[in-house]
């Protein structure tokens, strides 16, 4: 069984409590620190965001079906992304809603952006808590 990552519980709690509005996973070259891929997940968690009654009363099967569609889109997109033929590292960026307190061991950082990159957007899905949009960005220099 895989070891549980220490920050996973924090992220799960923040997602369930609508504390964050965006998660970004950045894959970069270990040697040059150049960003190679960036996976963004935007969550509409604003207090002003109104989820209609049909969205709130969705059953788990509907939500799982929508997530499966996105997982298939992500799996299909991976085959068109450039191969990562070098040692890589990753970072997780958490974008909190205003005035949220985070553990002191989480560091503040500037955005990491891919300059002149390509982007793939995936379908949106809506949970009983919030809508979610996801996308992947990548450098085009090593395109297949």
Foldseek 3Di string as FASTA:
>chain_A
DDDDDPCVVVVVVCVVVLFFFKKKKWKAAPVPRATFKIKMKGWPSDPPDDDDPVLLPDDPVQQVVLVVQQVVVVVVVVVFGFDDPHDIDMDMDTGGDPPDDDDPPDDDDDDRDHPPWDKDWTDWGGHSRTIMTMMMTGHCPRGD
